[in-house]
Amino acid sequence: MTSEYTGRAAERGGLPPETDVERARAELVAALSELEDKINVPKRIRRMKEEDPGKFMAAVSAVGAVAAGIVTVGILAIVRRR
C-alpha cells in the first residue's frame, strides 16, 4: 500500500491526498460563491448602483421606458377592442 500511495503522490508532485481534498473543497467554495454572486439580483443591483451610478440610472430608465411601452400597448389594445 505504501508503494501505491508513493506512486500516486509522485504523480501529483508529492502532495498527500488531504491536500487534493482541501484544494477541491476550496475550488468548490469559490465556484459556489461566484454562482451566488451571479444569481443574486438584488446584490448585483446594489453593486451596480455603488460602482457606476450613471450606468445604473440608464438601466433603470430603460426598464421604465419598456414598462411604459408595454402598458401603452395594452391600453391601446383595450381601447381599440371597444
N, C-alpha and C. Protein backbone atom coordinates (compact mmCIF):
# COMPACT_ATOMS: atom_id res chain seq x y z
N MET A 1 0.82 -1.19 0.00
CA MET A 1 0.00 0.00 0.00
C MET A 1 0.86 1.25 0.00
N THR A 2 2.00 1.19 0.64
CA THR A 2 2.88 2.34 0.68
C THR A 2 3.38 2.69 -0.72
N SER A 3 3.71 1.68 -1.50
CA SER A 3 4.20 1.96 -2.85
C SER A 3 3.10 2.56 -3.73
N GLU A 4 1.85 2.11 -3.53
CA GLU A 4 0.74 2.66 -4.30
C GLU A 4 0.55 4.14 -3.98
N TYR A 5 0.58 4.50 -2.70
CA TYR A 5 0.46 5.90 -2.31
C TYR A 5 1.63 6.70 -2.86
N THR A 6 2.82 6.15 -2.73
CA THR A 6 4.01 6.85 -3.20
C THR A 6 3.92 7.10 -4.70
N GLY A 7 3.41 6.13 -5.45
CA GLY A 7 3.28 6.30 -6.89
C GLY A 7 2.30 7.41 -7.25
N ARG A 8 1.14 7.42 -6.59
CA ARG A 8 0.15 8.47 -6.88
C ARG A 8 0.63 9.82 -6.38
N ALA A 9 1.27 9.84 -5.22
CA ALA A 9 1.78 11.11 -4.69
C ALA A 9 2.85 11.69 -5.60
N ALA A 10 3.67 10.82 -6.17
CA ALA A 10 4.72 11.30 -7.08
C ALA A 10 4.09 11.90 -8.33
N GLU A 11 2.97 11.34 -8.80
CA GLU A 11 2.29 11.90 -9.97
C GLU A 11 1.75 13.29 -9.69
N ARG A 12 1.33 13.53 -8.46
CA ARG A 12 0.77 14.84 -8.10
C ARG A 12 1.83 15.78 -7.57
N GLY A 13 3.05 15.44 -7.69
CA GLY A 13 4.11 16.30 -7.20
C GLY A 13 4.39 16.09 -5.72
N GLY A 14 4.08 14.92 -5.20
CA GLY A 14 4.39 14.62 -3.82
C GLY A 14 3.36 15.11 -2.82
N LEU A 15 2.20 15.57 -3.27
CA LEU A 15 1.18 16.07 -2.36
C LEU A 15 0.37 14.93 -1.77
N PRO A 16 0.12 14.95 -0.48
CA PRO A 16 -0.72 13.92 0.12
C PRO A 16 -2.17 14.09 -0.31
N PRO A 17 -2.99 13.04 -0.18
CA PRO A 17 -4.39 13.11 -0.62
C PRO A 17 -5.19 14.20 0.09
N GLU A 18 -4.85 14.50 1.34
CA GLU A 18 -5.58 15.54 2.07
C GLU A 18 -5.46 16.89 1.37
N THR A 19 -4.33 17.15 0.77
CA THR A 19 -4.13 18.42 0.07
C THR A 19 -5.05 18.49 -1.15
N ASP A 20 -5.20 17.37 -1.86
CA ASP A 20 -6.11 17.35 -3.01
C ASP A 20 -7.54 17.63 -2.57
N VAL A 21 -7.96 17.05 -1.46
CA VAL A 21 -9.31 17.27 -0.95
C VAL A 21 -9.50 18.72 -0.54
N GLU A 22 -8.52 19.28 0.13
CA GLU A 22 -8.61 20.69 0.55
C GLU A 22 -8.66 21.61 -0.66
N ARG A 23 -7.86 21.31 -1.67
CA ARG A 23 -7.85 22.14 -2.88
C ARG A 23 -9.19 22.04 -3.60
N ALA A 24 -9.74 20.82 -3.70
CA ALA A 24 -11.03 20.64 -4.34
C ALA A 24 -12.13 21.36 -3.56
N ARG A 25 -12.06 21.31 -2.25
CA ARG A 25 -13.05 22.00 -1.41
C ARG A 25 -12.96 23.51 -1.63
N ALA A 26 -11.74 24.05 -1.69
CA ALA A 26 -11.56 25.48 -1.91
C ALA A 26 -12.09 25.89 -3.28
N GLU A 27 -11.86 25.06 -4.30
CA GLU A 27 -12.37 25.36 -5.64
C GLU A 27 -13.90 25.33 -5.66
N LEU A 28 -14.49 24.38 -4.93
CA LEU A 28 -15.95 24.29 -4.86
C LEU A 28 -16.53 25.52 -4.17
N VAL A 29 -15.91 25.95 -3.08
CA VAL A 29 -16.38 27.14 -2.37
C VAL A 29 -16.30 28.36 -3.28
N ALA A 30 -15.21 28.49 -4.02
CA ALA A 30 -15.05 29.62 -4.92
C ALA A 30 -16.10 29.60 -6.03
N ALA A 31 -16.36 28.41 -6.58
CA ALA A 31 -17.35 28.29 -7.64
C ALA A 31 -18.75 28.61 -7.13
N LEU A 32 -19.08 28.14 -5.94
CA LEU A 32 -20.40 28.43 -5.36
C LEU A 32 -20.55 29.91 -5.05
N SER A 33 -19.50 30.54 -4.55
CA SER A 33 -19.56 31.98 -4.27
C SER A 33 -19.77 32.77 -5.56
N GLU A 34 -19.07 32.38 -6.61
CA GLU A 34 -19.22 33.07 -7.90
C GLU A 34 -20.64 32.88 -8.44
N LEU A 35 -21.16 31.67 -8.32
CA LEU A 35 -22.52 31.40 -8.78
C LEU A 35 -23.54 32.20 -7.99
N GLU A 36 -23.34 32.28 -6.68
CA GLU A 36 -24.25 33.07 -5.84
C GLU A 36 -24.24 34.53 -6.25
N ASP A 37 -23.04 35.07 -6.54
CA ASP A 37 -22.95 36.46 -6.98
C ASP A 37 -23.70 36.68 -8.30
N LYS A 38 -23.66 35.69 -9.19
CA LYS A 38 -24.30 35.85 -10.49
C LYS A 38 -25.82 35.78 -10.40
N ILE A 39 -26.36 34.96 -9.50
CA ILE A 39 -27.81 34.80 -9.45
C ILE A 39 -28.48 35.67 -8.40
N ASN A 40 -27.72 36.35 -7.57
CA ASN A 40 -28.28 37.22 -6.54
C ASN A 40 -28.52 38.61 -7.14
N VAL A 41 -29.70 38.79 -7.72
CA VAL A 41 -30.01 40.03 -8.45
C VAL A 41 -29.98 41.26 -7.55
N PRO A 42 -30.59 41.25 -6.36
CA PRO A 42 -30.51 42.45 -5.52
C PRO A 42 -29.07 42.86 -5.19
N LYS A 43 -28.21 41.87 -4.96
CA LYS A 43 -26.81 42.18 -4.67
C LYS A 43 -26.13 42.79 -5.89
N ARG A 44 -26.43 42.27 -7.09
CA ARG A 44 -25.85 42.82 -8.31
C ARG A 44 -26.34 44.24 -8.55
N ILE A 45 -27.61 44.51 -8.26
CA ILE A 45 -28.16 45.85 -8.45
C ILE A 45 -27.49 46.83 -7.49
N ARG A 46 -27.35 46.43 -6.22
CA ARG A 46 -26.67 47.29 -5.25
C ARG A 46 -25.24 47.59 -5.68
N ARG A 47 -24.54 46.55 -6.16
CA ARG A 47 -23.14 46.74 -6.57
C ARG A 47 -23.08 47.67 -7.78
N MET A 48 -24.00 47.52 -8.74
CA MET A 48 -24.00 48.40 -9.90
C MET A 48 -24.28 49.84 -9.49
N LYS A 49 -25.20 50.00 -8.55
CA LYS A 49 -25.56 51.34 -8.09
C LYS A 49 -24.37 52.02 -7.41
N GLU A 50 -23.59 51.25 -6.64
CA GLU A 50 -22.43 51.82 -5.94
C GLU A 50 -21.26 52.07 -6.88
N GLU A 51 -21.01 51.13 -7.80
CA GLU A 51 -19.83 51.23 -8.65
C GLU A 51 -20.00 52.22 -9.80
N ASP A 52 -21.19 52.26 -10.40
CA ASP A 52 -21.40 53.13 -11.57
C ASP A 52 -22.82 53.68 -11.56
N PRO A 53 -23.04 54.77 -10.81
CA PRO A 53 -24.39 55.31 -10.69
C PRO A 53 -25.00 55.74 -12.03
N GLY A 54 -24.20 56.23 -12.95
CA GLY A 54 -24.71 56.64 -14.26
C GLY A 54 -25.27 55.46 -15.04
N LYS A 55 -24.54 54.37 -15.04
CA LYS A 55 -24.99 53.17 -15.73
C LYS A 55 -26.25 52.61 -15.06
N PHE A 56 -26.31 52.69 -13.75
CA PHE A 56 -27.48 52.23 -13.01
C PHE A 56 -28.71 53.04 -13.40
N MET A 57 -28.56 54.36 -13.44
CA MET A 57 -29.70 55.22 -13.80
C MET A 57 -30.14 54.98 -15.24
N ALA A 58 -29.19 54.73 -16.14
CA ALA A 58 -29.54 54.43 -17.53
C ALA A 58 -30.34 53.13 -17.61
N ALA A 59 -29.92 52.13 -16.85
CA ALA A 59 -30.63 50.84 -16.86
C ALA A 59 -32.03 50.99 -16.28
N VAL A 60 -32.15 51.76 -15.20
CA VAL A 60 -33.47 51.98 -14.59
C VAL A 60 -34.38 52.73 -15.57
N SER A 61 -33.83 53.71 -16.25
CA SER A 61 -34.62 54.47 -17.23
C SER A 61 -35.08 53.58 -18.38
N ALA A 62 -34.19 52.71 -18.84
CA ALA A 62 -34.54 51.81 -19.94
C ALA A 62 -35.65 50.84 -19.52
N VAL A 63 -35.55 50.30 -18.32
CA VAL A 63 -36.58 49.40 -17.82
C VAL A 63 -37.91 50.15 -17.68
N GLY A 64 -37.86 51.37 -17.19
CA GLY A 64 -39.07 52.18 -17.07
C GLY A 64 -39.70 52.47 -18.41
N ALA A 65 -38.88 52.77 -19.41
CA ALA A 65 -39.40 53.06 -20.75
C ALA A 65 -40.06 51.82 -21.35
N VAL A 66 -39.44 50.67 -21.16
CA VAL A 66 -40.03 49.42 -21.68
C VAL A 66 -41.35 49.14 -20.98
N ALA A 67 -41.40 49.32 -19.66
CA ALA A 67 -42.64 49.08 -18.91
C ALA A 67 -43.73 50.04 -19.38
N ALA A 68 -43.38 51.31 -19.59
CA ALA A 68 -44.36 52.28 -20.07
C ALA A 68 -44.87 51.90 -21.46
N GLY A 69 -43.99 51.41 -22.30
CA GLY A 69 -44.39 50.98 -23.64
C GLY A 69 -45.36 49.80 -23.60
N ILE A 70 -45.08 48.85 -22.72
CA ILE A 70 -45.97 47.68 -22.59
C ILE A 70 -47.35 48.11 -22.09
N VAL A 71 -47.38 49.00 -21.11
CA VAL A 71 -48.66 49.49 -20.59
C VAL A 71 -49.42 50.23 -21.69
N THR A 72 -48.73 51.05 -22.46
CA THR A 72 -49.36 51.81 -23.54
C THR A 72 -49.96 50.88 -24.58
N VAL A 73 -49.21 49.87 -24.97
CA VAL A 73 -49.72 48.91 -25.96
C VAL A 73 -50.95 48.19 -25.40
N GLY A 74 -50.92 47.84 -24.14
CA GLY A 74 -52.08 47.18 -23.51
C GLY A 74 -53.30 48.06 -23.49
N ILE A 75 -53.11 49.32 -23.14
CA ILE A 75 -54.24 50.26 -23.11
C ILE A 75 -54.79 50.47 -24.52
N LEU A 76 -53.92 50.62 -25.50
CA LEU A 76 -54.39 50.80 -26.88
C LEU A 76 -55.15 49.57 -27.37
N ALA A 77 -54.71 48.40 -27.00
CA ALA A 77 -55.42 47.18 -27.40
C ALA A 77 -56.81 47.12 -26.79
N ILE A 78 -56.93 47.54 -25.55
CA ILE A 78 -58.24 47.55 -24.89
C ILE A 78 -59.16 48.58 -25.52
N VAL A 79 -58.63 49.77 -25.80
CA VAL A 79 -59.44 50.85 -26.36
C VAL A 79 -59.91 50.49 -27.77
N ARG A 80 -59.05 49.88 -28.57
CA ARG A 80 -59.43 49.54 -29.94
C ARG A 80 -60.43 48.39 -30.00
N ARG A 81 -60.47 47.59 -28.98
CA ARG A 81 -61.40 46.46 -28.94
C ARG A 81 -62.84 46.94 -28.79
N ARG A 82 -63.07 48.07 -28.20
CA ARG A 82 -64.42 48.58 -27.93
C ARG A 82 -65.00 49.24 -29.09
